[in-house]
Amino acid sequence: MGGSDSLGSVTEEPAPHPSPAPHQFERGTDGPKVIVVGVDGSDSSLRAAAYAAGLARRQRALLAVVYVQPVLAAGAALGAPVADATEAIAESLIAEIRDAAERVKDIFDVRWEFHTFRGDPYNGLVAAADELTADAVVVGASEQAGHRIVGSVAVRLVKAGRWPVTVVP
């Protein structure tokens, strides 16, 4: 009775599973829509802006460049023109970003906006990310030695756990 067992039924091997379809690249919209990058004019923040611009270009996301104007109550109390100084920094950053965007406009195009917020850098970036409904936040690593002990803005953003945070050295 070749192939039969003692009860007369034929044993069959299980049918092979169909091989999975080859992996196809998924074109969709499940990447970030808004990438917030904090800039303050430091080298690490400008590297973070360049990195974030590349991410925004590849993801076709909006790049929200954010400068947080510090509120220096002590400086204002001493009569220092703090507001004028921070406005000048913001204007300088806008000009630098526009120049960089103009230089690469024929290579690739990135949609970007510039925003200023007031406050300390951490709370300003949190407010910006919330208001702009950020899907990701990019910041430069702190260049201040004391932040290794106390904690940097980047570490505080990561610990907040509200968005993916990329820290650019």
N, C-alpha and C. Protein backbone atom coordinates (compact mmCIF):
# COMPACT_ATOMS: atom_id res chain seq x y z
N MET A 1 0.82 -1.17 0.00
CA MET A 1 0.00 0.00 0.00
C MET A 1 0.87 1.23 0.00
N GLY A 2 1.89 1.26 -0.60
CA GLY A 2 2.87 2.31 -0.56
C GLY A 2 2.30 3.66 -0.20
N GLY A 3 2.78 4.25 0.86
CA GLY A 3 2.37 5.58 1.29
C GLY A 3 1.20 5.53 2.24
N SER A 4 0.66 4.39 2.59
CA SER A 4 -0.48 4.31 3.50
C SER A 4 0.00 3.84 4.85
N ASP A 5 -0.69 4.29 5.87
CA ASP A 5 -0.36 3.75 7.18
C ASP A 5 -1.29 2.59 7.44
N SER A 6 -1.24 2.02 8.61
CA SER A 6 -2.03 0.83 8.88
C SER A 6 -3.52 1.09 8.86
N LEU A 7 -3.95 2.32 8.97
CA LEU A 7 -5.38 2.60 8.94
C LEU A 7 -5.87 2.88 7.53
N GLY A 8 -5.01 2.85 6.58
CA GLY A 8 -5.41 3.04 5.21
C GLY A 8 -5.39 4.49 4.75
N SER A 9 -5.00 5.43 5.60
CA SER A 9 -4.96 6.83 5.15
C SER A 9 -3.58 7.14 4.60
N VAL A 10 -3.54 8.01 3.66
CA VAL A 10 -2.29 8.38 3.02
C VAL A 10 -1.68 9.54 3.82
N THR A 11 -0.41 9.41 4.17
CA THR A 11 0.25 10.51 4.87
C THR A 11 0.78 11.48 3.84
N GLU A 12 0.57 12.71 4.11
CA GLU A 12 1.02 13.75 3.19
C GLU A 12 1.96 14.70 3.93
N GLU A 13 2.95 15.15 3.21
CA GLU A 13 3.81 16.17 3.76
C GLU A 13 3.09 17.50 3.63
N PRO A 14 3.29 18.38 4.58
CA PRO A 14 2.61 19.67 4.48
C PRO A 14 3.07 20.42 3.22
N ALA A 15 2.13 21.12 2.63
CA ALA A 15 2.46 21.89 1.43
C ALA A 15 3.44 22.98 1.81
N PRO A 16 4.43 23.23 0.95
CA PRO A 16 5.38 24.30 1.27
C PRO A 16 4.69 25.66 1.27
N HIS A 17 5.14 26.52 2.20
CA HIS A 17 4.58 27.88 2.24
C HIS A 17 5.07 28.64 1.02
N PRO A 18 4.20 29.44 0.46
CA PRO A 18 4.66 30.23 -0.68
C PRO A 18 5.78 31.16 -0.23
N SER A 19 6.76 31.33 -1.07
CA SER A 19 7.87 32.20 -0.70
C SER A 19 7.36 33.63 -0.63
N PRO A 20 7.87 34.40 0.36
CA PRO A 20 7.37 35.77 0.49
C PRO A 20 7.77 36.60 -0.72
N ALA A 21 6.93 37.55 -1.03
CA ALA A 21 7.22 38.44 -2.15
C ALA A 21 8.49 39.21 -1.85
N PRO A 22 9.28 39.49 -2.86
CA PRO A 22 10.49 40.27 -2.60
C PRO A 22 10.12 41.62 -1.98
N HIS A 23 10.98 42.09 -1.07
CA HIS A 23 10.71 43.35 -0.37
C HIS A 23 10.67 44.50 -1.37
N GLN A 24 9.60 45.26 -1.29
CA GLN A 24 9.47 46.43 -2.15
C GLN A 24 9.60 47.67 -1.30
N PHE A 25 10.26 48.67 -1.84
CA PHE A 25 10.40 49.93 -1.13
C PHE A 25 9.03 50.55 -0.96
N GLU A 26 8.73 50.95 0.25
CA GLU A 26 7.43 51.55 0.52
C GLU A 26 7.50 53.05 0.35
N ARG A 27 6.78 53.56 -0.59
CA ARG A 27 6.68 55.01 -0.76
C ARG A 27 5.43 55.44 -0.02
N GLY A 28 5.65 56.29 0.94
CA GLY A 28 4.50 56.72 1.72
C GLY A 28 4.81 57.99 2.46
N THR A 29 3.99 58.25 3.41
CA THR A 29 4.14 59.49 4.16
C THR A 29 4.28 59.21 5.64
N ASP A 30 5.00 58.14 5.97
CA ASP A 30 5.11 57.83 7.38
C ASP A 30 6.40 58.35 8.01
N GLY A 31 7.13 59.20 7.33
CA GLY A 31 8.31 59.83 7.90
C GLY A 31 7.90 61.13 8.60
N PRO A 32 8.88 61.82 9.16
CA PRO A 32 8.55 63.07 9.85
C PRO A 32 8.05 64.14 8.88
N LYS A 33 7.12 64.93 9.34
CA LYS A 33 6.59 66.03 8.54
C LYS A 33 7.22 67.35 8.93
N VAL A 34 7.58 67.49 10.21
CA VAL A 34 8.19 68.72 10.70
C VAL A 34 9.41 68.34 11.54
N ILE A 35 10.56 68.87 11.15
CA ILE A 35 11.79 68.65 11.90
C ILE A 35 12.21 70.00 12.47
N VAL A 36 12.32 70.06 13.79
CA VAL A 36 12.74 71.29 14.46
C VAL A 36 14.23 71.18 14.74
N VAL A 37 14.97 72.25 14.40
CA VAL A 37 16.39 72.29 14.73
C VAL A 37 16.66 73.58 15.50
N GLY A 38 17.35 73.44 16.62
CA GLY A 38 17.71 74.60 17.42
C GLY A 38 19.04 75.17 16.96
N VAL A 39 19.08 76.48 16.72
CA VAL A 39 20.32 77.14 16.33
C VAL A 39 20.58 78.31 17.26
N ASP A 40 21.86 78.52 17.54
CA ASP A 40 22.24 79.67 18.37
C ASP A 40 23.50 80.34 17.85
N GLY A 41 23.94 79.93 16.66
CA GLY A 41 25.14 80.51 16.08
C GLY A 41 26.42 79.74 16.39
N SER A 42 26.35 78.79 17.31
CA SER A 42 27.54 77.98 17.64
C SER A 42 27.83 77.02 16.49
N ASP A 43 29.08 76.57 16.42
CA ASP A 43 29.45 75.63 15.37
C ASP A 43 28.60 74.37 15.42
N SER A 44 28.38 73.83 16.63
CA SER A 44 27.61 72.58 16.72
C SER A 44 26.16 72.80 16.30
N SER A 45 25.58 73.98 16.58
CA SER A 45 24.20 74.20 16.16
C SER A 45 24.10 74.37 14.65
N LEU A 46 25.13 74.94 14.04
CA LEU A 46 25.12 75.07 12.58
C LEU A 46 25.32 73.71 11.91
N ARG A 47 26.13 72.84 12.52
CA ARG A 47 26.24 71.46 12.00
C ARG A 47 24.91 70.73 12.16
N ALA A 48 24.22 70.97 13.28
CA ALA A 48 22.90 70.36 13.48
C ALA A 48 21.92 70.85 12.42
N ALA A 49 22.00 72.13 12.08
CA ALA A 49 21.10 72.67 11.05
C ALA A 49 21.38 72.03 9.70
N ALA A 50 22.66 71.84 9.37
CA ALA A 50 23.01 71.19 8.10
C ALA A 50 22.51 69.75 8.09
N TYR A 51 22.69 69.04 9.19
CA TYR A 51 22.22 67.65 9.29
C TYR A 51 20.69 67.60 9.15
N ALA A 52 20.00 68.49 9.88
CA ALA A 52 18.54 68.52 9.83
C ALA A 52 18.04 68.88 8.44
N ALA A 53 18.76 69.75 7.74
CA ALA A 53 18.37 70.11 6.38
C ALA A 53 18.44 68.89 5.47
N GLY A 54 19.47 68.08 5.64
CA GLY A 54 19.57 66.84 4.87
C GLY A 54 18.42 65.89 5.17
N LEU A 55 18.08 65.76 6.45
CA LEU A 55 16.94 64.92 6.83
C LEU A 55 15.65 65.45 6.21
N ALA A 56 15.45 66.75 6.32
CA ALA A 56 14.22 67.35 5.78
C ALA A 56 14.13 67.15 4.27
N ARG A 57 15.27 67.30 3.59
CA ARG A 57 15.27 67.10 2.14
C ARG A 57 14.89 65.67 1.79
N ARG A 58 15.54 64.71 2.45
CA ARG A 58 15.27 63.30 2.12
C ARG A 58 13.85 62.89 2.49
N GLN A 59 13.32 63.44 3.57
CA GLN A 59 11.98 63.07 4.02
C GLN A 59 10.89 63.97 3.43
N ARG A 60 11.32 64.99 2.69
CA ARG A 60 10.38 65.99 2.16
C ARG A 60 9.57 66.62 3.29
N ALA A 61 10.28 66.90 4.39
CA ALA A 61 9.66 67.47 5.57
C ALA A 61 9.94 68.97 5.64
N LEU A 62 9.18 69.65 6.43
CA LEU A 62 9.42 71.06 6.70
C LEU A 62 10.51 71.17 7.75
N LEU A 63 11.51 72.00 7.47
CA LEU A 63 12.57 72.25 8.44
C LEU A 63 12.22 73.54 9.17
N ALA A 64 11.99 73.42 10.47
CA ALA A 64 11.69 74.59 11.30
C ALA A 64 12.95 74.94 12.08
N VAL A 65 13.62 76.02 11.65
CA VAL A 65 14.84 76.48 12.29
C VAL A 65 14.42 77.40 13.43
N VAL A 66 14.85 77.07 14.65
CA VAL A 66 14.40 77.79 15.83
C VAL A 66 15.58 78.42 16.56
N TYR A 67 15.47 79.71 16.80
CA TYR A 67 16.43 80.43 17.65
C TYR A 67 15.68 80.87 18.89
N VAL A 68 16.20 80.50 20.05
CA VAL A 68 15.58 80.89 21.30
C VAL A 68 16.34 82.10 21.84
N GLN A 69 15.65 83.23 21.89
CA GLN A 69 16.26 84.46 22.40
C GLN A 69 16.27 84.40 23.92
N PRO A 70 17.46 84.45 24.50
CA PRO A 70 17.51 84.37 25.97
C PRO A 70 16.92 85.61 26.60
N VAL A 71 16.24 85.38 27.70
CA VAL A 71 15.70 86.48 28.49
C VAL A 71 16.67 86.64 29.65
N LEU A 72 17.47 87.68 29.58
CA LEU A 72 18.48 87.91 30.61
C LEU A 72 18.02 89.05 31.51
N ALA A 73 17.29 88.69 32.55
CA ALA A 73 16.76 89.71 33.45
C ALA A 73 17.88 90.50 34.11
N ALA A 74 18.96 89.84 34.48
CA ALA A 74 20.06 90.54 35.15
C ALA A 74 20.69 91.55 34.21
N GLY A 75 20.89 91.19 32.95
CA GLY A 75 21.46 92.11 31.99
C GLY A 75 20.56 93.30 31.75
N ALA A 76 19.26 93.04 31.68
CA ALA A 76 18.31 94.13 31.46
C ALA A 76 18.27 95.05 32.67
N ALA A 77 18.40 94.48 33.86
CA ALA A 77 18.38 95.29 35.07
C ALA A 77 19.59 96.21 35.13
N LEU A 78 20.70 95.78 34.56
CA LEU A 78 21.90 96.60 34.55
C LEU A 78 21.91 97.58 33.39
N GLY A 79 20.86 97.59 32.61
CA GLY A 79 20.75 98.55 31.52
C GLY A 79 21.40 98.07 30.23
N ALA A 80 21.79 96.82 30.15
CA ALA A 80 22.39 96.29 28.92
C ALA A 80 21.31 96.14 27.87
N PRO A 81 21.61 96.46 26.61
CA PRO A 81 20.61 96.35 25.54
C PRO A 81 20.46 94.89 25.08
N VAL A 82 19.92 94.06 25.96
CA VAL A 82 19.81 92.63 25.71
C VAL A 82 18.91 92.34 24.52
N ALA A 83 17.77 92.98 24.46
CA ALA A 83 16.82 92.72 23.37
C ALA A 83 17.45 93.04 22.02
N ASP A 84 18.17 94.16 21.96
CA ASP A 84 18.82 94.52 20.69
C ASP A 84 19.87 93.49 20.30
N ALA A 85 20.62 93.00 21.28
CA ALA A 85 21.67 92.02 20.99
C ALA A 85 21.08 90.71 20.48
N THR A 86 20.02 90.23 21.13
CA THR A 86 19.43 88.96 20.69
C THR A 86 18.72 89.10 19.35
N GLU A 87 18.14 90.27 19.10
CA GLU A 87 17.53 90.52 17.78
C GLU A 87 18.60 90.50 16.69
N ALA A 88 19.75 91.08 16.99
CA ALA A 88 20.85 91.10 16.02
C ALA A 88 21.34 89.69 15.73
N ILE A 89 21.40 88.85 16.76
CA ILE A 89 21.81 87.45 16.56
C ILE A 89 20.78 86.74 15.68
N ALA A 90 19.51 86.95 15.96
CA ALA A 90 18.45 86.32 15.16
C ALA A 90 18.55 86.75 13.70
N GLU A 91 18.73 88.05 13.47
CA GLU A 91 18.85 88.55 12.10
C GLU A 91 20.07 87.97 11.40
N SER A 92 21.17 87.87 12.12
CA SER A 92 22.39 87.29 11.56
C SER A 92 22.18 85.82 11.19
N LEU A 93 21.48 85.08 12.05
CA LEU A 93 21.20 83.67 11.77
C LEU A 93 20.30 83.53 10.54
N ILE A 94 19.28 84.37 10.46
CA ILE A 94 18.38 84.32 9.30
C ILE A 94 19.19 84.57 8.02
N ALA A 95 20.04 85.59 8.04
CA ALA A 95 20.84 85.91 6.85
C ALA A 95 21.76 84.75 6.49
N GLU A 96 22.38 84.14 7.49
CA GLU A 96 23.28 83.01 7.23
C GLU A 96 22.52 81.82 6.64
N ILE A 97 21.34 81.54 7.16
CA ILE A 97 20.54 80.42 6.67
C ILE A 97 20.06 80.71 5.24
N ARG A 98 19.62 81.93 5.00
CA ARG A 98 19.18 82.28 3.63
C ARG A 98 20.33 82.15 2.64
N ASP A 99 21.52 82.61 3.03
CA ASP A 99 22.69 82.48 2.15
C ASP A 99 22.98 81.02 1.85
N ALA A 100 22.95 80.18 2.88
CA ALA A 100 23.22 78.75 2.69
C ALA A 100 22.16 78.12 1.78
N ALA A 101 20.89 78.48 1.98
CA ALA A 101 19.81 77.95 1.15
C ALA A 101 19.98 78.40 -0.30
N GLU A 102 20.39 79.64 -0.50
CA GLU A 102 20.60 80.16 -1.85
C GLU A 102 21.74 79.42 -2.56
N ARG A 103 22.81 79.10 -1.81
CA ARG A 103 23.97 78.42 -2.41
C ARG A 103 23.62 77.02 -2.91
N VAL A 104 22.68 76.35 -2.25
CA VAL A 104 22.39 74.97 -2.63
C VAL A 104 21.06 74.81 -3.36
N LYS A 105 20.42 75.92 -3.71
CA LYS A 105 19.07 75.81 -4.29
C LYS A 105 19.04 75.03 -5.60
N ASP A 106 20.13 75.04 -6.37
CA ASP A 106 20.15 74.28 -7.62
C ASP A 106 20.48 72.81 -7.39
N ILE A 107 20.99 72.49 -6.22
CA ILE A 107 21.34 71.10 -5.90
C ILE A 107 20.14 70.39 -5.28
N PHE A 108 19.56 70.99 -4.28
CA PHE A 108 18.34 70.43 -3.70
C PHE A 108 17.57 71.54 -3.02
N ASP A 109 16.30 71.27 -2.84
CA ASP A 109 15.41 72.27 -2.28
C ASP A 109 14.88 71.78 -0.95
N VAL A 110 14.92 72.62 0.04
CA VAL A 110 14.40 72.30 1.36
C VAL A 110 13.40 73.37 1.75
N ARG A 111 12.23 72.93 2.15
CA ARG A 111 11.24 73.87 2.68
C ARG A 111 11.64 74.19 4.11
N TRP A 112 11.79 75.47 4.42
CA TRP A 112 12.19 75.83 5.77
C TRP A 112 11.51 77.11 6.22
N GLU A 113 11.42 77.23 7.53
CA GLU A 113 10.88 78.41 8.17
C GLU A 113 11.82 78.77 9.32
N PHE A 114 11.87 80.04 9.66
CA PHE A 114 12.68 80.49 10.79
C PHE A 114 11.73 81.00 11.87
N HIS A 115 11.96 80.56 13.10
CA HIS A 115 11.12 80.98 14.22
C HIS A 115 12.00 81.45 15.36
N THR A 116 11.54 82.46 16.06
CA THR A 116 12.22 82.86 17.28
C THR A 116 11.26 82.69 18.45
N PHE A 117 11.80 82.21 19.54
CA PHE A 117 11.06 82.07 20.78
C PHE A 117 11.89 82.74 21.86
N ARG A 118 11.28 83.11 22.94
CA ARG A 118 11.99 83.73 24.06
C ARG A 118 12.00 82.77 25.24
N GLY A 119 13.09 82.82 25.98
CA GLY A 119 13.19 82.00 27.18
C GLY A 119 14.53 81.32 27.25
N ASP A 120 14.61 80.34 28.14
CA ASP A 120 15.84 79.56 28.19
C ASP A 120 15.80 78.55 27.05
N PRO A 121 16.96 78.09 26.58
CA PRO A 121 16.99 77.22 25.39
C PRO A 121 16.11 75.97 25.50
N TYR A 122 16.13 75.30 26.65
CA TYR A 122 15.34 74.08 26.79
C TYR A 122 13.85 74.37 26.66
N ASN A 123 13.34 75.28 27.48
CA ASN A 123 11.90 75.57 27.44
C ASN A 123 11.49 76.19 26.12
N GLY A 124 12.37 76.98 25.51
CA GLY A 124 12.06 77.55 24.20
C GLY A 124 11.93 76.49 23.13
N LEU A 125 12.84 75.50 23.13
CA LEU A 125 12.75 74.42 22.14
C LEU A 125 11.54 73.53 22.39
N VAL A 126 11.21 73.29 23.67
CA VAL A 126 10.01 72.51 23.98
C VAL A 126 8.77 73.24 23.46
N ALA A 127 8.69 74.54 23.72
CA ALA A 127 7.54 75.33 23.24
C ALA A 127 7.48 75.31 21.72
N ALA A 128 8.64 75.44 21.08
CA ALA A 128 8.68 75.43 19.61
C ALA A 128 8.22 74.08 19.07
N ALA A 129 8.75 73.00 19.63
CA ALA A 129 8.39 71.66 19.15
C ALA A 129 6.90 71.39 19.35
N ASP A 130 6.36 71.84 20.47
CA ASP A 130 4.93 71.66 20.73
C ASP A 130 4.09 72.50 19.77
N GLU A 131 4.43 73.77 19.65
CA GLU A 131 3.65 74.68 18.81
C GLU A 131 3.70 74.29 17.34
N LEU A 132 4.87 73.83 16.89
CA LEU A 132 5.04 73.48 15.48
C LEU A 132 4.72 72.01 15.20
N THR A 133 4.22 71.30 16.20
CA THR A 133 3.91 69.87 16.13
C THR A 133 5.06 69.09 15.48
N ALA A 134 6.21 69.20 16.10
CA ALA A 134 7.42 68.55 15.58
C ALA A 134 7.30 67.04 15.66
N ASP A 135 7.86 66.39 14.64
CA ASP A 135 7.97 64.94 14.63
C ASP A 135 9.37 64.52 15.08
N ALA A 136 10.31 65.45 15.03
CA ALA A 136 11.69 65.17 15.44
C ALA A 136 12.36 66.48 15.81
N VAL A 137 13.34 66.40 16.70
CA VAL A 137 14.10 67.57 17.13
C VAL A 137 15.58 67.27 16.94
N VAL A 138 16.31 68.22 16.36
CA VAL A 138 17.75 68.07 16.15
C VAL A 138 18.44 69.24 16.84
N VAL A 139 19.47 68.92 17.62
CA VAL A 139 20.24 69.97 18.30
C VAL A 139 21.72 69.61 18.21
N GLY A 140 22.54 70.61 18.38
CA GLY A 140 23.98 70.40 18.44
C GLY A 140 24.37 70.02 19.86
N ALA A 141 25.46 69.26 19.96
CA ALA A 141 25.97 68.90 21.28
C ALA A 141 26.48 70.16 21.96
N SER A 142 26.33 70.22 23.26
CA SER A 142 26.79 71.38 24.01
C SER A 142 28.30 71.51 23.92
N GLU A 143 28.75 72.74 23.77
CA GLU A 143 30.18 73.01 23.72
C GLU A 143 30.69 73.57 25.04
N GLN A 144 29.83 73.55 26.06
CA GLN A 144 30.22 74.08 27.36
C GLN A 144 30.60 72.95 28.30
N ALA A 145 31.76 73.07 28.92
CA ALA A 145 32.27 72.01 29.79
C ALA A 145 31.35 71.72 30.97
N GLY A 146 30.74 72.71 31.54
CA GLY A 146 29.88 72.52 32.70
C GLY A 146 28.67 71.65 32.43
N HIS A 147 28.27 71.55 31.20
CA HIS A 147 27.09 70.75 30.87
C HIS A 147 27.32 69.26 31.05
N ARG A 148 28.57 68.84 31.10
CA ARG A 148 28.84 67.42 31.34
C ARG A 148 28.39 67.03 32.74
N ILE A 149 28.39 68.00 33.65
CA ILE A 149 28.00 67.73 35.03
C ILE A 149 26.52 68.03 35.26
N VAL A 150 26.09 69.22 34.86
CA VAL A 150 24.74 69.68 35.13
C VAL A 150 23.74 69.10 34.14
N GLY A 151 24.12 68.91 32.90
CA GLY A 151 23.21 68.41 31.88
C GLY A 151 22.95 69.47 30.83
N SER A 152 22.98 69.07 29.60
CA SER A 152 22.80 70.01 28.50
C SER A 152 21.34 70.05 28.07
N VAL A 153 21.07 71.00 27.19
CA VAL A 153 19.73 71.09 26.60
C VAL A 153 19.40 69.78 25.89
N ALA A 154 20.37 69.24 25.17
CA ALA A 154 20.14 67.99 24.43
C ALA A 154 19.75 66.85 25.37
N VAL A 155 20.46 66.72 26.47
CA VAL A 155 20.15 65.65 27.43
C VAL A 155 18.76 65.86 28.01
N ARG A 156 18.42 67.08 28.32
CA ARG A 156 17.09 67.36 28.88
C ARG A 156 15.99 67.05 27.86
N LEU A 157 16.24 67.35 26.57
CA LEU A 157 15.24 67.04 25.53
C LEU A 157 15.08 65.53 25.38
N VAL A 158 16.19 64.80 25.42
CA VAL A 158 16.11 63.35 25.32
C VAL A 158 15.33 62.80 26.50
N LYS A 159 15.64 63.28 27.70
CA LYS A 159 14.95 62.78 28.91
C LYS A 159 13.47 63.12 28.91
N ALA A 160 13.09 64.21 28.24
CA ALA A 160 11.66 64.57 28.16
C ALA A 160 10.89 63.47 27.45
N GLY A 161 11.52 62.80 26.48
CA GLY A 161 10.91 61.65 25.82
C GLY A 161 9.68 61.97 25.01
N ARG A 162 9.57 63.17 24.49
CA ARG A 162 8.36 63.54 23.76
C ARG A 162 8.53 63.47 22.25
N TRP A 163 9.77 63.49 21.77
CA TRP A 163 10.05 63.42 20.34
C TRP A 163 11.35 62.66 20.17
N PRO A 164 11.58 62.10 19.00
CA PRO A 164 12.92 61.58 18.72
C PRO A 164 13.87 62.78 18.68
N VAL A 165 14.99 62.66 19.36
CA VAL A 165 15.96 63.76 19.43
C VAL A 165 17.28 63.25 18.87
N THR A 166 17.83 64.01 17.92
CA THR A 166 19.15 63.70 17.37
C THR A 166 20.11 64.77 17.84
N VAL A 167 21.22 64.32 18.43
CA VAL A 167 22.24 65.24 18.91
C VAL A 167 23.44 65.15 17.97
N VAL A 168 23.77 66.26 17.34
CA VAL A 168 24.84 66.30 16.36
C VAL A 168 26.10 66.83 17.03
N PRO A 169 27.21 66.10 16.94
CA PRO A 169 28.44 66.56 17.60
C PRO A 169 29.02 67.79 16.92
